[in-house]
Amino acid sequence: MIDHFGINCSDLEASARFYDAVLGVLGYSRQMDVGVAIGYGTVGHPDFWISRWQGTEPNREMHCAFQADGVDAVRAFHATALELGAESLHEPRLWPEYHPGYYGAFVRDPDGNNVEAVFHGAAPDA
């Protein structure tokens, strides 16, 4: 349903290092880099963009969830984010209140956004 979306970053270089790493463990990579914006996704199609923020007012927090291909990828996303100094909002775990099999982890990116990796098929003992 969504073709692509993007967020603004106060420090594009710091955000690029963060997203290169955490999206890399989920199997996504840089697809385009136009200097003031970087697009991530799978071969040939950037789905998620980060752009240099040049406004004077602070950014507003947003939430985005990236699809992971399993619980190990969700755990790797979380561990990689923490290695980069991100704040952990929620450790990797099942979230049965969302739906059975929903396994996710949440962190804050360098601009304070709530970023999640999620897998929608985890076993009850994940």
PDB file of N, CA and C in Angstrom:
ATOM      1  N   MET A   1       0.815  -1.186   0.000  1.00  0.00           N
ATOM      2  CA  MET A   1       0.000   0.000   0.000  1.00  0.00           C
ATOM      3  C   MET A   1       0.862   1.254   0.000  1.00  0.00           C
ATOM      4  N   ILE A   2       1.912   1.303   0.810  1.00  0.00           N
ATOM      5  CA  ILE A   2       2.779   2.479   0.843  1.00  0.00           C
ATOM      6  C   ILE A   2       3.902   2.282  -0.171  1.00  0.00           C
ATOM      7  N   ASP A   3       4.119   3.289  -1.023  1.00  0.00           N
ATOM      8  CA  ASP A   3       5.197   3.206  -1.996  1.00  0.00           C
ATOM      9  C   ASP A   3       6.539   3.522  -1.349  1.00  0.00           C
ATOM     10  N   HIS A   4       6.612   4.639  -0.615  1.00  0.00           N
ATOM     11  CA  HIS A   4       7.818   4.989   0.100  1.00  0.00           C
ATOM     12  C   HIS A   4       7.491   6.059   1.145  1.00  0.00           C
ATOM     13  N   PHE A   5       8.389   6.235   2.110  1.00  0.00           N
ATOM     14  CA  PHE A   5       8.231   7.290   3.098  1.00  0.00           C
ATOM     15  C   PHE A   5       9.609   7.740   3.548  1.00  0.00           C
ATOM     16  N   GLY A   6       9.666   8.889   4.205  1.00  0.00           N
ATOM     17  CA  GLY A   6      10.940   9.416   4.634  1.00  0.00           C
ATOM     18  C   GLY A   6      10.845  10.188   5.920  1.00  0.00           C
ATOM     19  N   ILE A   7      12.011  10.393   6.515  1.00  0.00           N
ATOM     20  CA  ILE A   7      12.112  11.181   7.735  1.00  0.00           C
ATOM     21  C   ILE A   7      13.214  12.212   7.558  1.00  0.00           C
ATOM     22  N   ASN A   8      13.146  13.290   8.334  1.00  0.00           N
ATOM     23  CA  ASN A   8      14.188  14.303   8.349  1.00  0.00           C
ATOM     24  C   ASN A   8      15.176  13.990   9.464  1.00  0.00           C
ATOM     25  N   CYS A   9      16.446  14.297   9.227  1.00  0.00           N
ATOM     26  CA  CYS A   9      17.512  14.002  10.180  1.00  0.00           C
ATOM     27  C   CYS A   9      18.338  15.250  10.432  1.00  0.00           C
ATOM     28  N   SER A  10      18.597  15.559  11.686  1.00  0.00           N
ATOM     29  CA  SER A  10      19.397  16.736  12.004  1.00  0.00           C
ATOM     30  C   SER A  10      20.866  16.525  11.654  1.00  0.00           C
ATOM     31  N   ASP A  11      21.341  15.274  11.677  1.00  0.00           N
ATOM     32  CA  ASP A  11      22.721  14.941  11.310  1.00  0.00           C
ATOM     33  C   ASP A  11      22.652  13.773  10.324  1.00  0.00           C
ATOM     34  N   LEU A  12      22.635  14.097   9.040  1.00  0.00           N
ATOM     35  CA  LEU A  12      22.447  13.072   8.015  1.00  0.00           C
ATOM     36  C   LEU A  12      23.536  12.000   8.068  1.00  0.00           C
ATOM     37  N   GLU A  13      24.765  12.394   8.324  1.00  0.00           N
ATOM     38  CA  GLU A  13      25.856  11.429   8.352  1.00  0.00           C
ATOM     39  C   GLU A  13      25.687  10.430   9.506  1.00  0.00           C
ATOM     40  N   ALA A  14      25.328  10.920  10.689  1.00  0.00           N
ATOM     41  CA  ALA A  14      25.103  10.029  11.835  1.00  0.00           C
ATOM     42  C   ALA A  14      23.920   9.104  11.562  1.00  0.00           C
ATOM     43  N   SER A  15      22.861   9.652  10.989  1.00  0.00           N
ATOM     44  CA  SER A  15      21.695   8.826  10.678  1.00  0.00           C
ATOM     45  C   SER A  15      22.024   7.804   9.600  1.00  0.00           C
ATOM     46  N   ALA A  16      22.841   8.182   8.614  1.00  0.00           N
ATOM     47  CA  ALA A  16      23.236   7.240   7.564  1.00  0.00           C
ATOM     48  C   ALA A  16      24.021   6.076   8.160  1.00  0.00           C
ATOM     49  N   ARG A  17      24.953   6.347   9.076  1.00  0.00           N
ATOM     50  CA  ARG A  17      25.699   5.256   9.734  1.00  0.00           C
ATOM     51  C   ARG A  17      24.739   4.334  10.478  1.00  0.00           C
ATOM     52  N   PHE A  18      23.778   4.934  11.205  1.00  0.00           N
ATOM     53  CA  PHE A  18      22.801   4.157  11.964  1.00  0.00           C
ATOM     54  C   PHE A  18      21.968   3.280  11.031  1.00  0.00           C
ATOM     55  N   TYR A  19      21.357   3.873  10.004  1.00  0.00           N
ATOM     56  CA  TYR A  19      20.475   3.113   9.118  1.00  0.00           C
ATOM     57  C   TYR A  19      21.232   2.160   8.207  1.00  0.00           C
ATOM     58  N   ASP A  20      22.460   2.493   7.789  1.00  0.00           N
ATOM     59  CA  ASP A  20      23.267   1.531   7.033  1.00  0.00           C
ATOM     60  C   ASP A  20      23.400   0.232   7.835  1.00  0.00           C
ATOM     61  N   ALA A  21      23.679   0.370   9.124  1.00  0.00           N
ATOM     62  CA  ALA A  21      23.921  -0.801   9.974  1.00  0.00           C
ATOM     63  C   ALA A  21      22.641  -1.542  10.343  1.00  0.00           C
ATOM     64  N   VAL A  22      21.659  -0.825  10.901  1.00  0.00           N
ATOM     65  CA  VAL A  22      20.471  -1.542  11.394  1.00  0.00           C
ATOM     66  C   VAL A  22      19.619  -2.079  10.259  1.00  0.00           C
ATOM     67  N   LEU A  23      19.550  -1.382   9.129  1.00  0.00           N
ATOM     68  CA  LEU A  23      18.791  -1.915   7.995  1.00  0.00           C
ATOM     69  C   LEU A  23      19.588  -2.991   7.279  1.00  0.00           C
ATOM     70  N   GLY A  24      20.902  -2.905   7.333  1.00  0.00           N
ATOM     71  CA  GLY A  24      21.744  -3.935   6.726  1.00  0.00           C
ATOM     72  C   GLY A  24      21.506  -5.308   7.324  1.00  0.00           C
ATOM     73  N   VAL A  25      21.321  -5.376   8.651  1.00  0.00           N
ATOM     74  CA  VAL A  25      21.081  -6.684   9.273  1.00  0.00           C
ATOM     75  C   VAL A  25      19.696  -7.222   8.933  1.00  0.00           C
ATOM     76  N   LEU A  26      18.812  -6.360   8.429  1.00  0.00           N
ATOM     77  CA  LEU A  26      17.481  -6.807   7.999  1.00  0.00           C
ATOM     78  C   LEU A  26      17.441  -7.125   6.501  1.00  0.00           C
ATOM     79  N   GLY A  27      18.572  -6.948   5.808  1.00  0.00           N
ATOM     80  CA  GLY A  27      18.640  -7.279   4.395  1.00  0.00           C
ATOM     81  C   GLY A  27      18.345  -6.125   3.455  1.00  0.00           C
ATOM     82  N   TYR A  28      18.305  -4.892   3.982  1.00  0.00           N
ATOM     83  CA  TYR A  28      18.057  -3.717   3.150  1.00  0.00           C
ATOM     84  C   TYR A  28      19.368  -2.945   2.981  1.00  0.00           C
ATOM     85  N   SER A  29      19.469  -2.158   1.919  1.00  0.00           N
ATOM     86  CA  SER A  29      20.697  -1.406   1.670  1.00  0.00           C
ATOM     87  C   SER A  29      20.371  -0.078   1.002  1.00  0.00           C
ATOM     88  N   ARG A  30      21.405   0.766   0.911  1.00  0.00           N
ATOM     89  CA  ARG A  30      21.265   2.034   0.192  1.00  0.00           C
ATOM     90  C   ARG A  30      20.976   1.741  -1.274  1.00  0.00           C
ATOM     91  N   GLN A  31      19.934   2.363  -1.779  1.00  0.00           N
ATOM     92  CA  GLN A  31      19.599   2.219  -3.186  1.00  0.00           C
ATOM     93  C   GLN A  31      19.875   3.494  -3.961  1.00  0.00           C
ATOM     94  N   MET A  32      19.822   4.634  -3.277  1.00  0.00           N
ATOM     95  CA  MET A  32      20.116   5.924  -3.903  1.00  0.00           C
ATOM     96  C   MET A  32      20.718   6.847  -2.849  1.00  0.00           C
ATOM     97  N   ASP A  33      21.631   7.702  -3.296  1.00  0.00           N
ATOM     98  CA  ASP A  33      22.197   8.731  -2.435  1.00  0.00           C
ATOM     99  C   ASP A  33      22.311   9.984  -3.288  1.00  0.00           C
ATOM    100  N   VAL A  34      21.490  10.979  -2.983  1.00  0.00           N
ATOM    101  CA  VAL A  34      21.477  12.206  -3.779  1.00  0.00           C
ATOM    102  C   VAL A  34      22.076  13.390  -3.010  1.00  0.00           C
ATOM    103  N   GLY A  35      22.910  13.092  -2.030  1.00  0.00           N
ATOM    104  CA  GLY A  35      23.590  14.134  -1.272  1.00  0.00           C
ATOM    105  C   GLY A  35      22.825  14.646  -0.082  1.00  0.00           C
ATOM    106  N   VAL A  36      21.613  15.128  -0.301  1.00  0.00           N
ATOM    107  CA  VAL A  36      20.793  15.630   0.810  1.00  0.00           C
ATOM    108  C   VAL A  36      19.768  14.598   1.257  1.00  0.00           C
ATOM    109  N   ALA A  37      19.721  13.456   0.578  1.00  0.00           N
ATOM    110  CA  ALA A  37      18.777  12.382   0.923  1.00  0.00           C
ATOM    111  C   ALA A  37      19.357  11.037   0.494  1.00  0.00           C
ATOM    112  N   ILE A  38      19.039  10.007   1.288  1.00  0.00           N
ATOM    113  CA  ILE A  38      19.498   8.645   1.017  1.00  0.00           C
ATOM    114  C   ILE A  38      18.279   7.738   1.055  1.00  0.00           C
ATOM    115  N   GLY A  39      18.129   6.895   0.035  1.00  0.00           N
ATOM    116  CA  GLY A  39      17.014   5.960  -0.046  1.00  0.00           C
ATOM    117  C   GLY A  39      17.463   4.539   0.206  1.00  0.00           C
ATOM    118  N   TYR A  40      16.733   3.829   1.063  1.00  0.00           N
ATOM    119  CA  TYR A  40      17.039   2.441   1.413  1.00  0.00           C
ATOM    120  C   TYR A  40      15.916   1.531   0.935  1.00  0.00           C
ATOM    121  N   GLY A  41      16.271   0.300   0.636  1.00  0.00           N
ATOM    122  CA  GLY A  41      15.269  -0.677   0.238  1.00  0.00           C
ATOM    123  C   GLY A  41      15.928  -1.926  -0.298  1.00  0.00           C
ATOM    124  N   THR A  42      15.258  -2.521  -1.265  1.00  0.00           N
ATOM    125  CA  THR A  42      15.798  -3.691  -1.943  1.00  0.00           C
ATOM    126  C   THR A  42      16.146  -3.276  -3.362  1.00  0.00           C
ATOM    127  N   VAL A  43      16.817  -4.141  -4.086  1.00  0.00           N
ATOM    128  CA  VAL A  43      17.377  -3.810  -5.394  1.00  0.00           C
ATOM    129  C   VAL A  43      16.405  -3.017  -6.261  1.00  0.00           C
ATOM    130  N   GLY A  44      16.843  -1.816  -6.610  1.00  0.00           N
ATOM    131  CA  GLY A  44      16.110  -0.989  -7.550  1.00  0.00           C
ATOM    132  C   GLY A  44      14.980  -0.154  -7.004  1.00  0.00           C
ATOM    133  N   HIS A  45      14.636  -0.305  -5.734  1.00  0.00           N
ATOM    134  CA  HIS A  45      13.490   0.460  -5.237  1.00  0.00           C
ATOM    135  C   HIS A  45      13.728   0.939  -3.801  1.00  0.00           C
ATOM    136  N   PRO A  46      14.032   2.232  -3.627  1.00  0.00           N
ATOM    137  CA  PRO A  46      14.137   2.758  -2.268  1.00  0.00           C
ATOM    138  C   PRO A  46      12.745   2.993  -1.683  1.00  0.00           C
ATOM    139  N   ASP A  47      12.484   2.367  -0.545  1.00  0.00           N
ATOM    140  CA  ASP A  47      11.187   2.482   0.132  1.00  0.00           C
ATOM    141  C   ASP A  47      11.227   3.472   1.286  1.00  0.00           C
ATOM    142  N   PHE A  48      12.411   3.632   1.883  1.00  0.00           N
ATOM    143  CA  PHE A  48      12.575   4.454   3.075  1.00  0.00           C
ATOM    144  C   PHE A  48      13.684   5.471   2.813  1.00  0.00           C
ATOM    145  N   TRP A  49      13.390   6.739   3.073  1.00  0.00           N
ATOM    146  CA  TRP A  49      14.337   7.818   2.811  1.00  0.00           C
ATOM    147  C   TRP A  49      14.681   8.570   4.086  1.00  0.00           C
ATOM    148  N   ILE A  50      15.952   8.965   4.206  1.00  0.00           N
ATOM    149  CA  ILE A  50      16.358   9.912   5.235  1.00  0.00           C
ATOM    150  C   ILE A  50      16.857  11.160   4.510  1.00  0.00           C
ATOM    151  N   SER A  51      16.502  12.327   5.038  1.00  0.00           N
ATOM    152  CA  SER A  51      16.869  13.597   4.405  1.00  0.00           C
ATOM    153  C   SER A  51      17.455  14.546   5.426  1.00  0.00           C
ATOM    154  N   ARG A  52      18.316  15.425   4.960  1.00  0.00           N
ATOM    155  CA  ARG A  52      18.916  16.440   5.823  1.00  0.00           C
ATOM    156  C   ARG A  52      17.833  17.430   6.272  1.00  0.00           C
ATOM    157  N   TRP A  53      17.683  17.619   7.586  1.00  0.00           N
ATOM    158  CA  TRP A  53      16.710  18.555   8.158  1.00  0.00           C
ATOM    159  C   TRP A  53      17.368  19.914   8.269  1.00  0.00           C
ATOM    160  N   GLN A  54      16.754  20.928   7.699  1.00  0.00           N
ATOM    161  CA  GLN A  54      17.334  22.267   7.748  1.00  0.00           C
ATOM    162  C   GLN A  54      16.400  23.264   8.420  1.00  0.00           C
ATOM    163  N   GLY A  55      15.353  22.766   9.052  1.00  0.00           N
ATOM    164  CA  GLY A  55      14.432  23.658   9.744  1.00  0.00           C
ATOM    165  C   GLY A  55      15.009  24.162  11.044  1.00  0.00           C
ATOM    166  N   THR A  56      14.393  25.190  11.604  1.00  0.00           N
ATOM    167  CA  THR A  56      14.856  25.749  12.873  1.00  0.00           C
ATOM    168  C   THR A  56      14.161  25.098  14.061  1.00  0.00           C
ATOM    169  N   GLU A  57      12.946  24.617  13.871  1.00  0.00           N
ATOM    170  CA  GLU A  57      12.228  23.960  14.956  1.00  0.00           C
ATOM    171  C   GLU A  57      12.664  22.490  15.033  1.00  0.00           C
ATOM    172  N   PRO A  58      12.513  21.878  16.218  1.00  0.00           N
ATOM    173  CA  PRO A  58      12.929  20.473  16.343  1.00  0.00           C
ATOM    174  C   PRO A  58      12.036  19.536  15.517  1.00  0.00           C
ATOM    175  N   ASN A  59      12.637  18.426  15.143  1.00  0.00           N
ATOM    176  CA  ASN A  59      11.857  17.376  14.472  1.00  0.00           C
ATOM    177  C   ASN A  59      10.823  16.830  15.443  1.00  0.00           C
ATOM    178  N   ARG A  60       9.747  16.300  14.919  1.00  0.00           N
ATOM    179  CA  ARG A  60       8.747  15.620  15.740  1.00  0.00           C
ATOM    180  C   ARG A  60       8.993  14.131  15.621  1.00  0.00           C
ATOM    181  N   GLU A  61       8.862  13.421  16.739  1.00  0.00           N
ATOM    182  CA  GLU A  61       9.061  11.975  16.730  1.00  0.00           C
ATOM    183  C   GLU A  61       8.053  11.299  15.803  1.00  0.00           C
ATOM    184  N   MET A  62       8.520  10.307  15.092  1.00  0.00           N
ATOM    185  CA  MET A  62       7.629   9.461  14.303  1.00  0.00           C
ATOM    186  C   MET A  62       8.005   8.011  14.577  1.00  0.00           C
ATOM    187  N   HIS A  63       7.134   7.116  14.184  1.00  0.00           N
ATOM    188  CA  HIS A  63       7.372   5.687  14.352  1.00  0.00           C
ATOM    189  C   HIS A  63       7.357   5.024  12.986  1.00  0.00           C
ATOM    190  N   CYS A  64       8.334   4.154  12.767  1.00  0.00           N
ATOM    191  CA  CYS A  64       8.302   3.320  11.567  1.00  0.00           C
ATOM    192  C   CYS A  64       8.776   1.929  11.952  1.00  0.00           C
ATOM    193  N   ALA A  65       8.192   0.949  11.312  1.00  0.00           N
ATOM    194  CA  ALA A  65       8.548  -0.451  11.550  1.00  0.00           C
ATOM    195  C   ALA A  65       9.066  -1.051  10.252  1.00  0.00           C
ATOM    196  N   PHE A  66      10.210  -1.725  10.360  1.00  0.00           N
ATOM    197  CA  PHE A  66      10.810  -2.397   9.225  1.00  0.00           C
ATOM    198  C   PHE A  66      10.562  -3.893   9.347  1.00  0.00           C
ATOM    199  N   GLN A  67      10.173  -4.505   8.255  1.00  0.00           N
ATOM    200  CA  GLN A  67       9.875  -5.933   8.243  1.00  0.00           C
ATOM    201  C   GLN A  67      11.166  -6.728   8.345  1.00  0.00           C
ATOM    202  N   ALA A  68      11.184  -7.699   9.238  1.00  0.00           N
ATOM    203  CA  ALA A  68      12.316  -8.615   9.410  1.00  0.00           C
ATOM    204  C   ALA A  68      11.895 -10.005   8.952  1.00  0.00           C
ATOM    205  N   ASP A  69      12.869 -10.830   8.574  1.00  0.00           N
ATOM    206  CA  ASP A  69      12.536 -12.158   8.069  1.00  0.00           C
ATOM    207  C   ASP A  69      12.573 -13.244   9.146  1.00  0.00           C
ATOM    208  N   GLY A  70      12.699 -12.855  10.405  1.00  0.00           N
ATOM    209  CA  GLY A  70      12.672 -13.825  11.493  1.00  0.00           C
ATOM    210  C   GLY A  70      13.058 -13.182  12.808  1.00  0.00           C
ATOM    211  N   VAL A  71      12.926 -13.939  13.898  1.00  0.00           N
ATOM    212  CA  VAL A  71      13.243 -13.407  15.223  1.00  0.00           C
ATOM    213  C   VAL A  71      14.728 -13.100  15.353  1.00  0.00           C
ATOM    214  N   ASP A  72      15.589 -13.884  14.691  1.00  0.00           N
ATOM    215  CA  ASP A  72      17.028 -13.612  14.768  1.00  0.00           C
ATOM    216  C   ASP A  72      17.358 -12.262  14.137  1.00  0.00           C
ATOM    217  N   ALA A  73      16.687 -11.909  13.059  1.00  0.00           N
ATOM    218  CA  ALA A  73      16.910 -10.612  12.426  1.00  0.00           C
ATOM    219  C   ALA A  73      16.441  -9.481  13.338  1.00  0.00           C
ATOM    220  N   VAL A  74      15.318  -9.671  14.038  1.00  0.00           N
ATOM    221  CA  VAL A  74      14.846  -8.657  14.986  1.00  0.00           C
ATOM    222  C   VAL A  74      15.880  -8.479  16.094  1.00  0.00           C
ATOM    223  N   ARG A  75      16.402  -9.580  16.605  1.00  0.00           N
ATOM    224  CA  ARG A  75      17.419  -9.500  17.662  1.00  0.00           C
ATOM    225  C   ARG A  75      18.694  -8.817  17.149  1.00  0.00           C
ATOM    226  N   ALA A  76      19.101  -9.133  15.923  1.00  0.00           N
ATOM    227  CA  ALA A  76      20.298  -8.511  15.340  1.00  0.00           C
ATOM    228  C   ALA A  76      20.100  -7.011  15.151  1.00  0.00           C
ATOM    229  N   PHE A  77      18.926  -6.617  14.706  1.00  0.00           N
ATOM    230  CA  PHE A  77      18.583  -5.195  14.547  1.00  0.00           C
ATOM    231  C   PHE A  77      18.752  -4.479  15.883  1.00  0.00           C
ATOM    232  N   HIS A  78      18.173  -5.029  16.935  1.00  0.00           N
ATOM    233  CA  HIS A  78      18.226  -4.417  18.261  1.00  0.00           C
ATOM    234  C   HIS A  78      19.666  -4.347  18.764  1.00  0.00           C
ATOM    235  N   ALA A  79      20.399  -5.442  18.654  1.00  0.00           N
ATOM    236  CA  ALA A  79      21.785  -5.480  19.123  1.00  0.00           C
ATOM    237  C   ALA A  79      22.655  -4.482  18.352  1.00  0.00           C
ATOM    238  N   THR A  80      22.468  -4.415  17.055  1.00  0.00           N
ATOM    239  CA  THR A  80      23.245  -3.489  16.231  1.00  0.00           C
ATOM    240  C   THR A  80      22.935  -2.051  16.614  1.00  0.00           C
ATOM    241  N   ALA A  81      21.679  -1.736  16.817  1.00  0.00           N
ATOM    242  CA  ALA A  81      21.291  -0.381  17.214  1.00  0.00           C
ATOM    243  C   ALA A  81      21.937  -0.006  18.549  1.00  0.00           C
ATOM    244  N   LEU A  82      21.922  -0.928  19.514  1.00  0.00           N
ATOM    245  CA  LEU A  82      22.524  -0.635  20.815  1.00  0.00           C
ATOM    246  C   LEU A  82      24.028  -0.439  20.696  1.00  0.00           C
ATOM    247  N   GLU A  83      24.690  -1.234  19.846  1.00  0.00           N
ATOM    248  CA  GLU A  83      26.127  -1.071  19.623  1.00  0.00           C
ATOM    249  C   GLU A  83      26.435   0.324  19.078  1.00  0.00           C
ATOM    250  N   LEU A  84      25.505   0.889  18.344  1.00  0.00           N
ATOM    251  CA  LEU A  84      25.675   2.221  17.774  1.00  0.00           C
ATOM    252  C   LEU A  84      25.262   3.330  18.745  1.00  0.00           C
ATOM    253  N   GLY A  85      24.878   2.957  19.968  1.00  0.00           N
ATOM    254  CA  GLY A  85      24.518   3.940  20.980  1.00  0.00           C
ATOM    255  C   GLY A  85      23.052   4.300  21.052  1.00  0.00           C
ATOM    256  N   ALA A  86      22.211   3.574  20.332  1.00  0.00           N
ATOM    257  CA  ALA A  86      20.774   3.868  20.366  1.00  0.00           C
ATOM    258  C   ALA A  86      20.181   3.513  21.724  1.00  0.00           C
ATOM    259  N   GLU A  87      19.130   4.220  22.074  1.00  0.00           N
ATOM    260  CA  GLU A  87      18.360   3.915  23.282  1.00  0.00           C
ATOM    261  C   GLU A  87      17.403   2.776  22.959  1.00  0.00           C
ATOM    262  N   SER A  88      17.364   1.779  23.830  1.00  0.00           N
ATOM    263  CA  SER A  88      16.400   0.693  23.668  1.00  0.00           C
ATOM    264  C   SER A  88      15.077   1.130  24.272  1.00  0.00           C
ATOM    265  N   LEU A  89      14.023   1.101  23.465  1.00  0.00           N
ATOM    266  CA  LEU A  89      12.684   1.399  23.970  1.00  0.00           C
ATOM    267  C   LEU A  89      12.006   0.127  24.451  1.00  0.00           C
ATOM    268  N   HIS A  90      12.202  -0.962  23.705  1.00  0.00           N
ATOM    269  CA  HIS A  90      11.654  -2.270  24.086  1.00  0.00           C
ATOM    270  C   HIS A  90      12.569  -3.362  23.545  1.00  0.00           C
ATOM    271  N   GLU A  91      13.014  -4.242  24.423  1.00  0.00           N
ATOM    272  CA  GLU A  91      13.830  -5.392  24.042  1.00  0.00           C
ATOM    273  C   GLU A  91      13.034  -6.282  23.078  1.00  0.00           C
ATOM    274  N   PRO A  92      13.723  -7.090  22.278  1.00  0.00           N
ATOM    275  CA  PRO A  92      13.011  -8.024  21.391  1.00  0.00           C
ATOM    276  C   PRO A  92      12.132  -8.985  22.203  1.00  0.00           C
ATOM    277  N   ARG A  93      10.877  -9.088  21.787  1.00  0.00           N
ATOM    278  CA  ARG A  93       9.956 -10.006  22.473  1.00  0.00           C
ATOM    279  C   ARG A  93       8.687 -10.163  21.650  1.00  0.00           C
ATOM    280  N   LEU A  94       7.879 -11.128  22.048  1.00  0.00           N
ATOM    281  CA  LEU A  94       6.548 -11.290  21.467  1.00  0.00           C
ATOM    282  C   LEU A  94       5.644 -10.177  22.002  1.00  0.00           C
ATOM    283  N   TRP A  95       4.753  -9.720  21.152  1.00  0.00           N
ATOM    284  CA  TRP A  95       3.763  -8.705  21.507  1.00  0.00           C
ATOM    285  C   TRP A  95       2.379  -9.275  21.201  1.00  0.00           C
ATOM    286  N   PRO A  96       1.871 -10.194  22.026  1.00  0.00           N
ATOM    287  CA  PRO A  96       0.593 -10.834  21.733  1.00  0.00           C
ATOM    288  C   PRO A  96      -0.585  -9.865  21.744  1.00  0.00           C
ATOM    289  N   GLU A  97      -0.413  -8.708  22.382  1.00  0.00           N
ATOM    290  CA  GLU A  97      -1.490  -7.720  22.374  1.00  0.00           C
ATOM    291  C   GLU A  97      -1.710  -7.143  20.976  1.00  0.00           C
ATOM    292  N   TYR A  98      -0.706  -7.256  20.095  1.00  0.00           N
ATOM    293  CA  TYR A  98      -0.872  -6.800  18.707  1.00  0.00           C
ATOM    294  C   TYR A  98      -1.518  -7.904  17.867  1.00  0.00           C
ATOM    295  N   HIS A  99      -0.940  -9.087  17.883  1.00  0.00           N
ATOM    296  CA  HIS A  99      -1.525 -10.292  17.305  1.00  0.00           C
ATOM    297  C   HIS A  99      -0.594 -11.462  17.599  1.00  0.00           C
ATOM    298  N   PRO A 100      -1.097 -12.691  17.590  1.00  0.00           N
ATOM    299  CA  PRO A 100      -0.226 -13.845  17.832  1.00  0.00           C
ATOM    300  C   PRO A 100       0.905 -13.881  16.799  1.00  0.00           C
ATOM    301  N   GLY A 101       2.113 -14.141  17.275  1.00  0.00           N
ATOM    302  CA  GLY A 101       3.261 -14.233  16.388  1.00  0.00           C
ATOM    303  C   GLY A 101       3.970 -12.921  16.111  1.00  0.00           C
ATOM    304  N   TYR A 102       3.487 -11.799  16.671  1.00  0.00           N
ATOM    305  CA  TYR A 102       4.111 -10.490  16.459  1.00  0.00           C
ATOM    306  C   TYR A 102       5.341 -10.400  17.357  1.00  0.00           C
ATOM    307  N   TYR A 103       6.515 -10.355  16.745  1.00  0.00           N
ATOM    308  CA  TYR A 103       7.784 -10.298  17.475  1.00  0.00           C
ATOM    309  C   TYR A 103       8.512  -9.037  17.053  1.00  0.00           C
ATOM    310  N   GLY A 104       8.744  -8.123  17.997  1.00  0.00           N
ATOM    311  CA  GLY A 104       9.355  -6.857  17.635  1.00  0.00           C
ATOM    312  C   GLY A 104      10.312  -6.324  18.679  1.00  0.00           C
ATOM    313  N   ALA A 105      11.119  -5.364  18.239  1.00  0.00           N
ATOM    314  CA  ALA A 105      12.035  -4.634  19.109  1.00  0.00           C
ATOM    315  C   ALA A 105      12.013  -3.177  18.665  1.00  0.00           C
ATOM    316  N   PHE A 106      12.118  -2.267  19.630  1.00  0.00           N
ATOM    317  CA  PHE A 106      11.999  -0.837  19.370  1.00  0.00           C
ATOM    318  C   PHE A 106      13.216  -0.096  19.913  1.00  0.00           C
ATOM    319  N   VAL A 107      13.734   0.853  19.114  1.00  0.00           N
ATOM    320  CA  VAL A 107      14.863   1.684  19.529  1.00  0.00           C
ATOM    321  C   VAL A 107      14.606   3.129  19.095  1.00  0.00           C
ATOM    322  N   ARG A 108      15.425   4.044  19.634  1.00  0.00           N
ATOM    323  CA  ARG A 108      15.411   5.436  19.173  1.00  0.00           C
ATOM    324  C   ARG A 108      16.581   5.631  18.219  1.00  0.00           C
ATOM    325  N   ASP A 109      16.308   6.213  17.062  1.00  0.00           N
ATOM    326  CA  ASP A 109      17.370   6.523  16.115  1.00  0.00           C
ATOM    327  C   ASP A 109      18.094   7.800  16.567  1.00  0.00           C
ATOM    328  N   PRO A 110      19.137   8.256  15.844  1.00  0.00           N
ATOM    329  CA  PRO A 110      19.887   9.438  16.292  1.00  0.00           C
ATOM    330  C   PRO A 110      19.053  10.718  16.420  1.00  0.00           C
ATOM    331  N   ASP A 111      17.896  10.781  15.782  1.00  0.00           N
ATOM    332  CA  ASP A 111      17.035  11.961  15.899  1.00  0.00           C
ATOM    333  C   ASP A 111      15.866  11.768  16.846  1.00  0.00           C
ATOM    334  N   GLY A 112      15.846  10.663  17.588  1.00  0.00           N
ATOM    335  CA  GLY A 112      14.796  10.444  18.570  1.00  0.00           C
ATOM    336  C   GLY A 112      13.553   9.753  18.041  1.00  0.00           C
ATOM    337  N   ASN A 113      13.596   9.274  16.799  1.00  0.00           N
ATOM    338  CA  ASN A 113      12.437   8.570  16.245  1.00  0.00           C
ATOM    339  C   ASN A 113      12.352   7.158  16.806  1.00  0.00           C
ATOM    340  N   ASN A 114      11.151   6.669  16.935  1.00  0.00           N
ATOM    341  CA  ASN A 114      10.863   5.320  17.427  1.00  0.00           C
ATOM    342  C   ASN A 114      10.898   4.373  16.227  1.00  0.00           C
ATOM    343  N   VAL A 115      11.950   3.546  16.159  1.00  0.00           N
ATOM    344  CA  VAL A 115      12.169   2.658  15.022  1.00  0.00           C
ATOM    345  C   VAL A 115      12.064   1.216  15.500  1.00  0.00           C
ATOM    346  N   GLU A 116      11.343   0.417  14.742  1.00  0.00           N
ATOM    347  CA  GLU A 116      11.053  -0.968  15.123  1.00  0.00           C
ATOM    348  C   GLU A 116      11.464  -1.920  14.008  1.00  0.00           C
ATOM    349  N   ALA A 117      11.866  -3.115  14.419  1.00  0.00           N
ATOM    350  CA  ALA A 117      11.978  -4.249  13.495  1.00  0.00           C
ATOM    351  C   ALA A 117      10.928  -5.248  13.963  1.00  0.00           C
ATOM    352  N   VAL A 118      10.177  -5.825  13.012  1.00  0.00           N
ATOM    353  CA  VAL A 118       9.088  -6.729  13.375  1.00  0.00           C
ATOM    354  C   VAL A 118       9.052  -7.937  12.453  1.00  0.00           C
ATOM    355  N   PHE A 119       8.739  -9.081  13.055  1.00  0.00           N
ATOM    356  CA  PHE A 119       8.505 -10.323  12.333  1.00  0.00           C
ATOM    357  C   PHE A 119       7.110 -10.803  12.710  1.00  0.00           C
ATOM    358  N   HIS A 120       6.320 -11.160  11.716  1.00  0.00           N
ATOM    359  CA  HIS A 120       4.910 -11.527  11.944  1.00  0.00           C
ATOM    360  C   HIS A 120       4.670 -13.023  11.875  1.00  0.00           C
ATOM    361  N   GLY A 121       5.499 -13.823  12.467  1.00  0.00           N
ATOM    362  CA  GLY A 121       5.261 -15.263  12.410  1.00  0.00           C
ATOM    363  C   GLY A 121       6.011 -16.040  13.471  1.00  0.00           C
ATOM    364  N   ALA A 122       6.294 -15.399  14.583  1.00  0.00           N
ATOM    365  CA  ALA A 122       7.089 -16.038  15.625  1.00  0.00           C
ATOM    366  C   ALA A 122       6.300 -17.115  16.350  1.00  0.00           C
ATOM    367  N   ALA A 123       7.002 -18.158  16.741  1.00  0.00           N
ATOM    368  CA  ALA A 123       6.407 -19.214  17.554  1.00  0.00           C
ATOM    369  C   ALA A 123       6.175 -18.693  18.966  1.00  0.00           C
ATOM    370  N   PRO A 124       5.227 -19.275  19.692  1.00  0.00           N
ATOM    371  CA  PRO A 124       4.911 -18.791  21.050  1.00  0.00           C
ATOM    372  C   PRO A 124       6.096 -18.785  22.008  1.00  0.00           C
ATOM    373  N   ASP A 125       7.114 -19.595  21.768  1.00  0.00           N
ATOM    374  CA  ASP A 125       8.260 -19.663  22.665  1.00  0.00           C
ATOM    375  C   ASP A 125       9.471 -18.873  22.157  1.00  0.00           C
ATOM    376  N   ALA A 126       9.249 -17.926  21.232  1.00  0.00           N
ATOM    377  CA  ALA A 126      10.361 -17.186  20.609  1.00  0.00           C
ATOM    378  C   ALA A 126      11.133 -16.344  21.581  1.00  0.00           C
TER     379      ALA A 126
END
